[in-house]
Amino acid sequence: MTRILPRWRLLAAALSVFALGACSGEKPAQESTATADQAGAKLRIEGAGATFPEPLYQRWIAIYGEQALEIAFSYEGVGSGEGIRRFLAEEVDFGASDAAMSDADLAKVGDRGALMIPMTAGMVVLAYNIPGVESGLRLPRELIADIFAGKISHWDDPRIEAANPGVTLPHRTITPVVRRDSSGTTFVLTNHLGAAHPWWASDQGPGVGKQIDWPGNTMEVNYNEGIAQRVKTSEGTIGYMEYEFADRLGLPIATLENKAGSFVSPSPRAGTAALASAETIPDDLRVFVPDPAGTDAYPIVSYTWLLLYERYPDREKAEALQDAVLWGLTDGQSVAEEMGYIPLPEQMVSLAKAKVEQIN
């Protein structure tokens, strides 16, 4: 069968995203973006899921912004948990998540089968709004967990001051800004905290997951952009988000201590070093690096996956998705690096492309 559109047009349409939300952290009424010529489209493909990779998808559209004429693709950023739910309910043609589906989730897919395809990787950063501290904040490993557990209440806590000689920290309440919705970014952060500090993942700790009961004095909002906007407008706050969201708003980003005891800032080099600490890649491509080793490794990283069915009833739809995803795994990787995402390792690209070829 003849492909309707070139690969680059398919990808630009398929991975459509929406602009940053208002400061409230809520999505605007129009949540998904699709090709403009909806009325004339012969094929419609819908997806939903993670907000973690949205800035990358926006950039793809800016570069490859020609509209698809024969196919209407849409992508709705609703968070990883909701993306998985819609995928399992077969409400969408593809999902997206920063937390790979569990064995229990995969068992619910049924006869259509499921493929999890890493598209890029990214770093979860801690951005802050401390009056008088525009840059240079350093956070040791144990303090990150204590801040989000509510065990440290003020920015001039002696332990924070000891890690930041020469920085004048105000006596101001620390307010962690956290996710209210079911979030892959929350999973990435809490999975790191659980690996670095076993008490976090214990029955007595906050736990690891896409959605947890946050302790202490927290401010809850939805989506990565919601946290970024709230940190920008609220003094005394600290929040976790994918790097691009903080960078886009010019938020100060903390330098974090890694497993080797080095203080590392987010960069493609530091992210690549973190991914390199994964010793093996399983056949299902579910790779987690919760506490990467290595002097240069950034400590909080994650792959982000597209969720695809192995079998589609519509051959045309299957081929359209196949084209789009294969482009993202190859040419799209250079755009990811430009934006501060971590390009996929060559071995992962090769394995992911082989998985995509299984779609039928």
Protein backbone atom coordinates (compact mmCIF):
# COMPACT_ATOMS: atom_id res chain seq x y z
CA MET A 1 0.00 0.00 0.00
CA THR A 2 1.28 3.49 -0.84
CA ARG A 3 2.11 5.67 2.15
CA ILE A 4 -0.06 8.78 2.18
CA LEU A 5 2.47 11.21 3.65
CA PRO A 6 6.25 11.46 3.95
CA ARG A 7 7.60 10.39 7.33
CA TRP A 8 8.43 13.88 8.54
CA ARG A 9 4.88 15.12 7.93
CA LEU A 10 3.40 12.14 9.72
CA LEU A 11 5.54 12.73 12.77
CA ALA A 12 4.84 16.43 12.95
CA ALA A 13 1.14 15.71 12.88
CA ALA A 14 1.19 12.68 15.14
CA LEU A 15 3.05 14.28 17.98
CA SER A 16 1.03 17.48 18.17
CA VAL A 17 0.99 19.19 21.55
CA PHE A 18 -0.47 22.21 23.25
CA ALA A 19 1.14 25.33 24.62
CA LEU A 20 2.01 25.84 28.26
CA GLY A 21 -1.02 26.18 30.52
CA ALA A 22 -1.93 29.07 32.73
CA CYS A 23 -0.27 29.69 36.08
CA SER A 24 -2.96 27.67 37.78
CA GLY A 25 -1.39 24.52 36.38
CA GLU A 26 -4.67 23.52 34.76
CA LYS A 27 -5.00 22.72 31.09
CA PRO A 28 -6.84 25.14 28.84
CA ALA A 29 -10.19 24.01 27.54
CA GLN A 30 -8.67 22.93 24.21
CA GLU A 31 -6.20 20.32 25.40
CA SER A 32 -5.11 18.55 22.24
CA THR A 33 -3.71 19.81 18.98
CA ALA A 34 -4.46 18.12 15.70
CA THR A 35 -3.96 18.73 12.02
CA ALA A 36 -6.02 21.67 10.90
CA ASP A 37 -7.73 20.04 7.93
CA GLN A 38 -9.78 17.68 10.08
CA ALA A 39 -12.79 17.84 7.78
CA GLY A 40 -10.93 16.50 4.75
CA ALA A 41 -8.95 13.83 6.56
CA LYS A 42 -9.46 10.24 5.49
CA LEU A 43 -7.69 8.75 8.50
CA ARG A 44 -7.70 9.89 12.12
CA ILE A 45 -5.16 8.75 14.70
CA GLU A 46 -5.42 9.86 18.32
CA GLY A 47 -2.97 9.61 21.21
CA ALA A 48 -2.70 10.79 24.80
CA GLY A 49 -0.31 10.64 27.73
CA ALA A 50 2.84 12.09 29.22
CA THR A 51 3.57 15.80 29.51
CA PHE A 52 7.30 15.09 30.14
CA PRO A 53 8.22 15.07 26.40
CA GLU A 54 5.80 17.76 25.26
CA PRO A 55 8.37 20.53 24.61
CA LEU A 56 10.20 18.20 22.24
CA TYR A 57 6.99 17.47 20.38
CA GLN A 58 6.27 21.19 20.12
CA ARG A 59 9.69 21.74 18.56
CA TRP A 60 9.09 19.01 16.02
CA ILE A 61 5.93 20.79 14.94
CA ALA A 62 7.76 24.12 14.69
CA ILE A 63 10.36 22.57 12.39
CA TYR A 64 8.13 20.25 10.42
CA GLY A 65 4.95 22.28 10.60
CA GLU A 66 3.36 21.44 7.30
CA GLN A 67 -0.10 20.08 7.91
CA ALA A 68 -1.12 16.61 6.93
CA LEU A 69 -3.77 16.64 4.22
CA GLU A 70 -4.99 13.06 4.29
CA ILE A 71 -4.43 12.09 7.93
CA ALA A 72 -5.52 13.87 11.11
CA PHE A 73 -3.28 13.03 14.07
CA SER A 74 -3.81 14.40 17.58
CA TYR A 75 -1.96 14.10 20.88
CA GLU A 76 -3.43 15.14 24.21
CA GLY A 77 -1.07 15.72 27.14
CA VAL A 78 -2.94 14.35 30.14
CA GLY A 79 -0.18 12.79 32.24
CA SER A 80 1.28 9.30 32.09
CA GLY A 81 -1.29 7.63 34.32
CA GLU A 82 -4.23 8.84 32.26
CA GLY A 83 -2.37 7.99 29.07
CA ILE A 84 -1.96 4.38 30.22
CA ARG A 85 -5.62 4.22 31.25
CA ARG A 86 -6.83 5.42 27.86
CA PHE A 87 -4.48 3.04 26.06
CA LEU A 88 -5.72 0.06 28.06
CA ALA A 89 -9.33 1.11 27.49
CA GLU A 90 -8.60 1.37 23.73
CA GLU A 91 -9.79 4.97 23.75
CA VAL A 92 -6.71 6.06 21.78
CA ASP A 93 -4.52 4.68 19.03
CA PHE A 94 -1.34 5.23 21.02
CA GLY A 95 -0.41 6.27 24.52
CA ALA A 96 2.66 7.85 26.08
CA SER A 97 4.19 7.42 29.52
CA ASP A 98 7.35 8.24 31.46
CA ALA A 99 6.68 5.18 33.61
CA ALA A 100 6.69 2.00 31.54
CA MET A 101 3.60 -0.13 31.92
CA SER A 102 3.72 -2.75 34.66
CA ASP A 103 3.20 -6.48 34.13
CA ALA A 104 -0.29 -6.05 35.57
CA ASP A 105 -1.06 -3.35 33.00
CA LEU A 106 0.33 -5.42 30.13
CA ALA A 107 -1.93 -8.30 31.13
CA LYS A 108 -4.93 -6.05 30.47
CA VAL A 109 -4.01 -5.27 26.88
CA GLY A 110 -5.60 -8.40 25.44
CA ASP A 111 -5.20 -9.90 21.99
CA ARG A 112 -3.93 -6.73 20.32
CA GLY A 113 -0.64 -6.88 22.20
CA ALA A 114 1.41 -3.90 23.33
CA LEU A 115 4.79 -2.43 22.46
CA MET A 116 6.64 0.11 24.59
CA ILE A 117 8.96 2.22 22.46
CA PRO A 118 11.45 4.61 24.11
CA MET A 119 11.41 7.85 22.09
CA THR A 120 13.86 9.93 24.08
CA ALA A 121 15.11 10.32 27.63
CA GLY A 122 15.17 13.29 29.93
CA MET A 123 16.29 14.69 33.24
CA VAL A 124 13.99 15.59 36.10
CA VAL A 125 15.32 18.80 37.62
CA LEU A 126 14.54 20.63 40.84
CA ALA A 127 13.74 24.26 40.08
CA TYR A 128 13.32 26.77 42.89
CA ASN A 129 12.19 30.29 43.72
CA ILE A 130 14.24 31.60 46.65
CA PRO A 131 14.39 35.39 47.00
CA GLY A 132 18.00 36.52 46.62
CA VAL A 133 19.26 33.15 45.33
CA GLU A 134 19.27 33.36 41.55
CA SER A 135 21.63 30.45 40.95
CA GLY A 136 24.12 28.09 42.53
CA LEU A 137 21.93 26.15 44.99
CA ARG A 138 23.45 22.75 45.82
CA LEU A 139 21.37 19.95 47.30
CA PRO A 140 22.97 16.84 48.83
CA ARG A 141 21.20 13.52 48.31
CA GLU A 142 19.73 13.19 51.78
CA LEU A 143 18.38 16.74 51.74
CA ILE A 144 16.33 16.18 48.58
CA ALA A 145 14.42 13.39 50.26
CA ASP A 146 14.04 15.32 53.51
CA ILE A 147 12.68 18.40 51.72
CA PHE A 148 9.99 16.45 49.86
CA ALA A 149 9.18 14.43 52.98
CA GLY A 150 8.59 17.63 54.96
CA LYS A 151 11.51 16.98 57.31
CA ILE A 152 13.20 20.29 56.43
CA SER A 153 10.91 23.28 56.74
CA HIS A 154 13.02 26.41 56.07
CA TRP A 155 15.56 27.41 53.46
CA ASP A 156 18.10 28.52 56.06
CA ASP A 157 18.17 25.08 57.67
CA PRO A 158 21.76 24.46 58.87
CA ARG A 159 22.13 21.44 56.59
CA ILE A 160 21.23 23.44 53.48
CA GLU A 161 23.51 26.28 54.60
CA ALA A 162 26.39 23.86 55.14
CA ALA A 163 26.08 22.65 51.54
CA ASN A 164 25.99 26.22 50.22
CA PRO A 165 28.82 28.26 51.78
CA GLY A 166 28.74 31.88 50.70
CA VAL A 167 25.04 31.76 49.77
CA THR A 168 22.68 33.84 51.92
CA LEU A 169 19.57 31.75 52.43
CA PRO A 170 16.44 33.44 53.83
CA HIS A 171 14.46 32.22 56.81
CA ARG A 172 11.54 31.31 54.61
CA THR A 173 9.24 28.31 54.59
CA ILE A 174 10.02 25.68 51.96
CA THR A 175 6.97 24.78 49.89
CA PRO A 176 7.45 21.77 47.60
CA VAL A 177 5.25 21.97 44.51
CA VAL A 178 4.13 18.47 43.55
CA ARG A 179 1.87 16.73 41.06
CA ARG A 180 -1.78 16.15 41.87
CA ASP A 181 -2.42 13.99 38.80
CA SER A 182 -1.08 10.52 38.04
CA SER A 183 2.35 11.36 36.70
CA GLY A 184 5.29 9.56 35.19
CA THR A 185 7.49 12.43 36.33
CA THR A 186 6.39 11.75 39.91
CA PHE A 187 7.31 8.10 39.39
CA VAL A 188 10.77 9.08 38.13
CA LEU A 189 11.45 11.30 41.15
CA THR A 190 10.07 8.92 43.76
CA ASN A 191 11.77 5.93 42.15
CA HIS A 192 15.07 7.78 42.51
CA LEU A 193 14.34 8.73 46.12
CA GLY A 194 13.37 5.16 46.94
CA ALA A 195 16.59 3.80 45.42
CA ALA A 196 18.80 6.40 47.10
CA HIS A 197 17.03 6.23 50.46
CA PRO A 198 15.35 2.90 51.29
CA TRP A 199 13.22 4.51 54.01
CA TRP A 200 11.41 6.51 51.32
CA ALA A 201 10.11 3.32 49.68
CA SER A 202 9.33 1.55 52.97
CA ASP A 203 5.94 1.27 54.65
CA GLN A 204 6.92 4.23 56.82
CA GLY A 205 7.93 6.41 53.86
CA PRO A 206 5.95 8.33 51.22
CA GLY A 207 6.41 5.52 48.70
CA VAL A 208 7.15 5.17 44.99
CA GLY A 209 4.55 5.65 42.28
CA LYS A 210 2.87 7.84 39.70
CA GLN A 211 0.64 9.30 42.40
CA ILE A 212 1.48 9.38 46.12
CA ASP A 213 0.17 10.97 49.29
CA TRP A 214 2.70 13.76 49.69
CA PRO A 215 3.64 14.57 53.30
CA GLY A 216 4.29 17.99 54.75
CA ASN A 217 3.59 21.46 53.43
CA THR A 218 3.08 20.84 49.72
CA MET A 219 1.31 22.69 46.93
CA GLU A 220 -0.41 20.36 44.44
CA VAL A 221 -0.93 21.16 40.76
CA ASN A 222 -1.35 19.24 37.50
CA TYR A 223 1.23 18.58 34.80
CA ASN A 224 4.88 19.51 34.32
CA GLU A 225 4.02 22.98 33.09
CA GLY A 226 1.75 23.50 36.09
CA ILE A 227 4.65 22.95 38.48
CA ALA A 228 6.95 25.17 36.42
CA GLN A 229 4.46 28.03 36.37
CA ARG A 230 3.72 27.73 40.08
CA VAL A 231 7.41 27.78 41.02
CA LYS A 232 7.92 30.83 38.82
CA THR A 233 5.16 32.79 40.55
CA SER A 234 5.47 31.57 44.16
CA GLU A 235 8.40 32.52 46.39
CA GLY A 236 9.85 29.87 48.68
CA THR A 237 8.89 27.00 46.37
CA ILE A 238 10.80 24.09 44.89
CA GLY A 239 9.37 21.76 42.28
CA TYR A 240 10.31 18.82 40.08
CA MET A 241 9.87 18.86 36.31
CA GLU A 242 11.49 17.82 33.06
CA TYR A 243 14.46 20.07 32.25
CA GLU A 244 12.94 21.89 29.27
CA PHE A 245 10.01 23.23 31.33
CA ALA A 246 12.39 24.92 33.78
CA ASP A 247 14.74 26.12 31.07
CA ARG A 248 11.92 27.62 29.02
CA LEU A 249 10.79 29.79 31.94
CA GLY A 250 14.30 30.67 33.04
CA LEU A 251 13.91 29.03 36.44
CA PRO A 252 16.98 28.50 38.65
CA ILE A 253 17.87 24.81 38.77
CA ALA A 254 19.58 23.13 41.71
CA THR A 255 22.82 21.20 41.31
CA LEU A 256 22.25 17.71 42.74
CA GLU A 257 24.57 15.24 44.43
CA ASN A 258 24.75 11.88 42.69
CA LYS A 259 25.56 8.40 43.98
CA ALA A 260 29.30 8.97 43.54
CA GLY A 261 29.16 12.11 45.68
CA SER A 262 29.60 14.56 42.80
CA PHE A 263 27.39 17.62 42.41
CA VAL A 264 26.09 17.58 38.85
CA SER A 265 24.02 20.02 36.81
CA PRO A 266 21.69 18.78 34.06
CA SER A 267 23.28 18.51 30.62
CA PRO A 268 23.12 16.07 27.70
CA ARG A 269 26.56 14.78 28.73
CA ALA A 270 25.45 14.16 32.31
CA GLY A 271 22.25 12.52 31.11
CA THR A 272 24.10 10.27 28.69
CA ALA A 273 26.47 9.23 31.48
CA ALA A 274 23.46 8.30 33.60
CA LEU A 275 21.89 6.13 30.89
CA ALA A 276 25.22 4.41 30.32
CA SER A 277 25.06 3.00 33.85
CA ALA A 278 22.23 0.66 32.80
CA GLU A 279 23.99 -2.68 32.43
CA THR A 280 21.43 -4.44 30.23
CA ILE A 281 18.38 -3.65 28.11
CA PRO A 282 15.56 -6.19 28.53
CA ASP A 283 13.61 -7.46 25.54
CA ASP A 284 10.56 -5.37 26.44
CA LEU A 285 12.73 -2.20 26.56
CA ARG A 286 11.66 -1.34 30.11
CA VAL A 287 14.88 0.21 31.38
CA PHE A 288 14.99 2.10 34.66
CA VAL A 289 18.04 3.92 36.01
CA PRO A 290 16.80 5.09 39.42
CA ASP A 291 20.18 5.91 40.98
CA PRO A 292 22.84 5.97 38.26
CA ALA A 293 26.46 5.31 39.08
CA GLY A 294 29.36 7.30 37.70
CA THR A 295 31.06 10.53 38.70
CA ASP A 296 29.52 12.52 35.83
CA ALA A 297 26.01 11.03 35.92
CA TYR A 298 23.00 13.26 36.54
CA PRO A 299 21.05 11.50 39.31
CA ILE A 300 17.40 11.71 38.13
CA VAL A 301 16.83 10.47 34.58
CA SER A 302 14.25 8.46 32.68
CA TYR A 303 13.33 7.14 29.29
CA THR A 304 9.88 8.09 28.03
CA TRP A 305 7.86 5.56 26.04
CA LEU A 306 5.21 5.52 23.35
CA LEU A 307 2.61 2.82 23.93
CA LEU A 308 1.60 1.14 20.70
CA TYR A 309 -0.59 -1.82 19.90
CA GLU A 310 1.18 -4.65 18.16
CA ARG A 311 -1.88 -5.23 15.99
CA TYR A 312 -4.18 -2.60 14.48
CA PRO A 313 -7.40 -3.47 12.64
CA ASP A 314 -6.60 -0.75 10.09
CA ARG A 315 -3.46 -1.46 8.06
CA GLU A 316 -3.26 2.14 6.87
CA LYS A 317 -3.25 3.36 10.46
CA ALA A 318 -0.56 0.85 11.44
CA GLU A 319 1.73 1.99 8.63
CA ALA A 320 1.18 5.67 9.41
CA LEU A 321 2.19 5.13 13.03
CA GLN A 322 5.13 3.01 12.00
CA ASP A 323 6.47 5.76 9.74
CA ALA A 324 6.08 8.45 12.39
CA VAL A 325 7.78 6.52 15.16
CA LEU A 326 10.68 5.39 12.99
CA TRP A 327 11.36 9.02 12.08
CA GLY A 328 11.39 10.00 15.72
CA LEU A 329 13.87 7.24 16.53
CA THR A 330 16.30 8.47 13.87
CA ASP A 331 16.20 12.02 12.51
CA GLY A 332 14.24 13.32 15.49
CA GLN A 333 17.01 12.51 17.95
CA SER A 334 19.15 15.50 16.95
CA VAL A 335 16.29 17.83 17.84
CA ALA A 336 15.98 16.13 21.23
CA GLU A 337 19.61 16.86 22.06
CA GLU A 338 19.28 20.51 21.04
CA MET A 339 16.48 20.91 23.58
CA GLY A 340 18.30 19.35 26.51
CA TYR A 341 16.75 15.90 26.23
CA ILE A 342 19.04 12.90 26.18
CA PRO A 343 19.37 11.29 22.75
CA LEU A 344 18.79 7.55 22.74
CA PRO A 345 21.87 5.32 22.86
CA GLU A 346 22.56 3.60 19.52
CA GLN A 347 21.78 0.18 20.95
CA MET A 348 18.39 1.38 22.18
CA VAL A 349 17.58 2.92 18.79
CA SER A 350 18.36 -0.36 17.05
CA LEU A 351 16.25 -2.41 19.46
CA ALA A 352 13.38 0.08 19.36
CA LYS A 353 13.29 0.13 15.55
CA ALA A 354 13.05 -3.66 15.53
CA LYS A 355 10.06 -3.45 17.88
CA VAL A 356 8.32 -0.88 15.67
CA GLU A 357 8.67 -3.21 12.69
CA GLN A 358 6.47 -5.70 14.59
CA ILE A 359 3.42 -3.43 14.22
CA ASN A 360 0.90 -4.91 11.82
